[in-house]
């Protein structure tokens, strides 16, 4: 009797497993990145993260809340780091762009994450019922283009880009190239394939910046 009671006491004193938020977000990110927002259910997320459903709901409210948290983590871990390659005044405009495109190419083809861009991959098959998520992703897309615009405007002010160049049109063009690189990576393009695209783009630079 004493042995049974003692055993129960020991079990009850076991330390409860703590919820690792960052680890859960990373696992959820991989799932959303690979399968998209629509095709990823809360049941899939529970299985992938190893967390209990009530824990995920308590932490993130619902799938949409979890996705928004994942998106913030992706931006902090990947997008913001890539964009930081642009804003180094010691680099020429072409060197900054080359470093940025290289960082993006390596990310899109990394074996550590699903291929392509997380934002583009998760938005490609959104249904009408996911309007709020679609708007969230649309805002992020716009921010990426605005980052390119801000970078190019700074370099124009420094005299590296002619004053007659349409900076917003140029940023839009470069952003489209990046989105195309994501699609190519998703379809199996290698890092060398993407780097060749970026080199070709930058070889066109004298034409791209004409007023």
Protein backbone atom coordinates (compact mmCIF):
# COMPACT_ATOMS: atom_id res chain seq x y z
CA UNK A 1 0.00 0.00 0.00
CA UNK A 2 2.76 2.38 1.00
CA UNK A 3 4.66 1.54 -2.18
CA UNK A 4 1.63 2.33 -4.36
CA UNK A 5 1.00 5.66 -2.66
CA UNK A 6 4.68 6.59 -2.86
CA UNK A 7 4.70 5.77 -6.58
CA UNK A 8 1.67 7.98 -7.16
CA UNK A 9 3.23 10.85 -5.26
CA UNK A 10 6.39 10.64 -7.34
CA UNK A 11 4.39 10.71 -10.57
CA UNK A 12 2.32 13.67 -9.47
CA UNK A 13 5.48 15.59 -8.64
CA UNK A 14 6.81 15.21 -12.19
CA UNK A 15 7.59 18.56 -13.77
CA UNK A 16 4.99 19.40 -16.48
CA UNK A 17 6.35 19.70 -20.00
CA UNK A 18 6.81 23.36 -20.88
CA UNK A 19 5.56 24.80 -24.16
CA UNK A 20 8.41 25.91 -26.42
CA UNK A 21 6.79 28.71 -28.43
CA UNK A 22 9.69 29.28 -30.83
CA UNK A 23 10.06 25.58 -31.61
CA UNK A 24 6.32 25.33 -32.25
CA UNK A 25 6.44 28.35 -34.57
CA UNK A 26 9.34 26.87 -36.52
CA UNK A 27 7.50 23.58 -37.02
CA UNK A 28 4.32 25.39 -37.99
CA UNK A 29 6.30 27.57 -40.39
CA UNK A 30 7.64 24.51 -42.20
CA UNK A 31 4.12 23.13 -42.53
CA UNK A 32 2.60 26.37 -43.85
CA UNK A 33 5.60 26.91 -46.13
CA UNK A 34 5.34 23.44 -47.64
CA UNK A 35 1.57 23.08 -47.98
CA UNK A 36 0.16 26.61 -47.91
CA UNK A 37 -2.32 28.21 -45.55
CA UNK A 38 -5.50 26.57 -46.82
CA UNK A 39 -4.19 23.00 -46.89
CA UNK A 40 -2.78 23.20 -43.36
CA UNK A 41 -5.33 22.37 -40.66
CA UNK A 42 -5.11 22.79 -36.91
CA UNK A 43 -4.98 18.99 -36.68
CA UNK A 44 -1.87 19.03 -38.87
CA UNK A 45 -0.36 21.79 -36.74
CA UNK A 46 -1.05 19.91 -33.51
CA UNK A 47 0.65 16.82 -34.91
CA UNK A 48 3.64 18.74 -36.30
CA UNK A 49 4.29 20.86 -33.20
CA UNK A 50 3.67 18.10 -30.69
CA UNK A 51 1.62 20.55 -28.63
CA UNK A 52 -1.88 19.82 -27.44
CA UNK A 53 -4.70 21.61 -29.23
CA UNK A 54 -5.80 23.56 -26.10
CA UNK A 55 -2.23 24.84 -25.72
CA UNK A 56 -2.12 26.14 -29.30
CA UNK A 57 -5.55 27.74 -28.98
CA UNK A 58 -4.57 29.36 -25.66
CA UNK A 59 -1.36 30.74 -27.18
CA UNK A 60 -2.58 31.78 -30.65
CA UNK A 61 -6.43 31.75 -30.48
CA UNK A 62 -6.87 29.97 -33.83
CA UNK A 63 -5.08 28.96 -37.04
CA UNK A 64 -5.12 32.53 -38.31
CA UNK A 65 -3.46 33.76 -35.13
CA UNK A 66 -0.81 31.05 -35.38
CA UNK A 67 -0.14 31.94 -39.01
CA UNK A 68 0.28 35.63 -38.15
CA UNK A 69 2.80 34.70 -35.47
CA UNK A 70 4.62 32.45 -37.95
CA UNK A 71 4.68 35.26 -40.50
CA UNK A 72 6.24 37.62 -37.95
CA UNK A 73 8.88 35.00 -37.17
CA UNK A 74 9.62 34.45 -40.87
CA UNK A 75 10.08 38.18 -41.40
CA UNK A 76 12.43 38.42 -38.41
CA UNK A 77 14.44 35.32 -39.28
CA UNK A 78 14.64 35.61 -43.04
CA UNK A 79 13.13 38.66 -44.75
CA UNK A 80 14.57 41.30 -42.41
CA UNK A 81 18.01 39.68 -42.54
CA UNK A 82 17.97 39.64 -46.34
CA UNK A 83 16.78 43.23 -46.56
CA UNK A 84 19.60 44.29 -44.24
CA UNK A 85 21.98 43.41 -47.10
CA UNK A 86 20.64 46.44 -48.95
CA UNK A 87 21.22 49.11 -46.33
CA UNK A 88 24.99 49.20 -46.03
CA UNK A 89 26.37 52.52 -47.24
CA UNK A 90 29.85 51.06 -47.69
CA UNK A 91 28.54 48.98 -50.59
CA UNK A 92 27.87 50.25 -54.07
CA UNK A 93 24.26 50.01 -55.27
CA UNK A 94 25.14 47.02 -57.46
CA UNK A 95 27.06 45.23 -54.69
CA UNK A 96 24.15 45.72 -52.28
CA UNK A 97 21.68 44.34 -54.82
CA UNK A 98 23.96 41.41 -55.64
CA UNK A 99 24.32 40.54 -51.94
CA UNK A 100 20.56 40.82 -51.47
CA UNK A 101 19.72 38.61 -54.45
CA UNK A 102 22.36 36.10 -53.35
CA UNK A 103 20.91 35.88 -49.83
CA UNK A 104 17.42 35.41 -51.26
CA UNK A 105 18.65 32.75 -53.71
CA UNK A 106 20.30 30.79 -50.91
CA UNK A 107 17.13 30.98 -48.81
CA UNK A 108 14.83 29.92 -51.64
CA UNK A 109 16.94 26.81 -52.34
CA UNK A 110 18.04 25.90 -48.81
CA UNK A 111 17.71 22.26 -47.78
CA UNK A 112 16.83 23.39 -44.25
CA UNK A 113 13.48 24.88 -45.29
CA UNK A 114 10.90 24.26 -48.02
CA UNK A 115 11.83 25.83 -51.35
CA UNK A 116 10.73 29.24 -52.51
CA UNK A 117 9.47 32.22 -50.55
CA UNK A 118 7.28 31.51 -47.52
CA UNK A 119 4.94 34.39 -48.27
CA UNK A 120 4.44 33.53 -51.93
CA UNK A 121 4.05 29.80 -51.23
CA UNK A 122 1.41 30.33 -48.56
CA UNK A 123 -0.56 32.82 -50.62
CA UNK A 124 -0.67 30.96 -53.92
CA UNK A 125 -3.84 28.98 -53.20
CA UNK A 126 -5.81 31.13 -50.78
CA UNK A 127 -9.58 30.81 -50.97
CA UNK A 128 -12.06 33.66 -50.80
CA UNK A 129 -12.84 32.63 -47.22
CA UNK A 130 -9.30 33.64 -46.21
CA UNK A 131 -9.69 37.30 -47.12
CA UNK A 132 -8.08 38.59 -43.91
CA UNK A 133 -5.01 36.38 -44.36
CA UNK A 134 -4.83 37.37 -48.02
CA UNK A 135 -4.86 41.03 -47.00
CA UNK A 136 -2.13 40.39 -44.42
CA UNK A 137 0.08 38.78 -47.06
CA UNK A 138 -0.73 41.53 -49.55
CA UNK A 139 0.46 44.11 -47.04
CA UNK A 140 3.70 42.19 -46.55
CA UNK A 141 4.24 42.01 -50.32
CA UNK A 142 3.77 45.76 -50.47
CA UNK A 143 6.29 46.23 -47.66
CA UNK A 144 8.90 44.25 -49.60
CA UNK A 145 8.46 46.48 -52.62
CA UNK A 146 8.50 49.57 -50.42
CA UNK A 147 11.80 48.41 -48.93
CA UNK A 148 13.28 48.17 -52.41
CA UNK A 149 11.84 51.60 -53.25
CA UNK A 150 13.35 53.15 -50.12
CA UNK A 151 16.74 51.61 -50.89
CA UNK A 152 16.71 52.80 -54.50
CA UNK A 153 15.57 56.30 -53.53
CA UNK A 154 18.47 56.56 -51.07
CA UNK A 155 20.91 55.55 -53.79
CA UNK A 156 19.31 58.00 -56.22
CA UNK A 157 19.80 60.77 -53.67
CA UNK A 158 23.46 59.73 -53.37
CA UNK A 159 23.84 60.10 -57.13
CA UNK A 160 24.22 56.39 -57.97
CA UNK A 161 20.96 56.35 -59.94
CA UNK A 162 20.02 59.08 -62.44
CA UNK A 163 17.40 61.54 -61.24
CA UNK A 164 15.18 60.77 -64.21
CA UNK A 165 14.87 57.07 -63.32
CA UNK A 166 11.38 55.96 -62.25
CA UNK A 167 12.29 54.41 -58.91
CA UNK A 168 8.88 52.90 -58.18
CA UNK A 169 8.75 51.20 -61.57
CA UNK A 170 12.27 49.85 -61.01
CA UNK A 171 11.37 48.53 -57.54
CA UNK A 172 8.27 46.87 -58.99
CA UNK A 173 10.36 45.20 -61.67
CA UNK A 174 12.93 43.88 -59.19
CA UNK A 175 10.16 42.64 -56.93
CA UNK A 176 8.63 40.71 -59.84
CA UNK A 177 12.03 39.11 -60.54
CA UNK A 178 12.20 37.98 -56.90
CA UNK A 179 8.71 36.49 -57.06
CA UNK A 180 9.62 34.66 -60.27
CA UNK A 181 12.74 33.28 -58.59
CA UNK A 182 10.55 31.91 -55.80
CA UNK A 183 8.33 30.10 -58.29
CA UNK A 184 11.38 28.71 -60.10
CA UNK A 185 12.84 27.43 -56.82
CA UNK A 186 9.54 25.78 -55.99
CA UNK A 187 9.70 24.01 -59.35
CA UNK A 188 13.19 22.69 -58.65
CA UNK A 189 15.59 25.42 -59.76
CA UNK A 190 19.01 25.24 -58.10
CA UNK A 191 20.84 28.04 -56.34
CA UNK A 192 23.05 28.42 -59.42
CA UNK A 193 19.94 28.82 -61.57
CA UNK A 194 18.69 31.63 -59.34
CA UNK A 195 22.09 33.30 -59.18
CA UNK A 196 22.20 33.30 -62.97
CA UNK A 197 18.83 35.08 -63.00
CA UNK A 198 20.15 37.72 -60.60
CA UNK A 199 23.36 38.18 -62.62
CA UNK A 200 21.35 38.61 -65.80
CA UNK A 201 19.14 41.17 -64.06
CA UNK A 202 22.11 43.16 -62.81
CA UNK A 203 23.81 43.06 -66.21
CA UNK A 204 20.76 44.94 -67.47
CA UNK A 205 21.29 47.63 -64.82
CA UNK A 206 22.50 50.40 -67.19
CA UNK A 207 19.28 50.00 -69.18
CA UNK A 208 17.08 49.66 -66.12
CA UNK A 209 18.16 52.98 -64.63
CA UNK A 210 17.82 55.05 -67.77
CA UNK A 211 15.48 57.99 -67.37
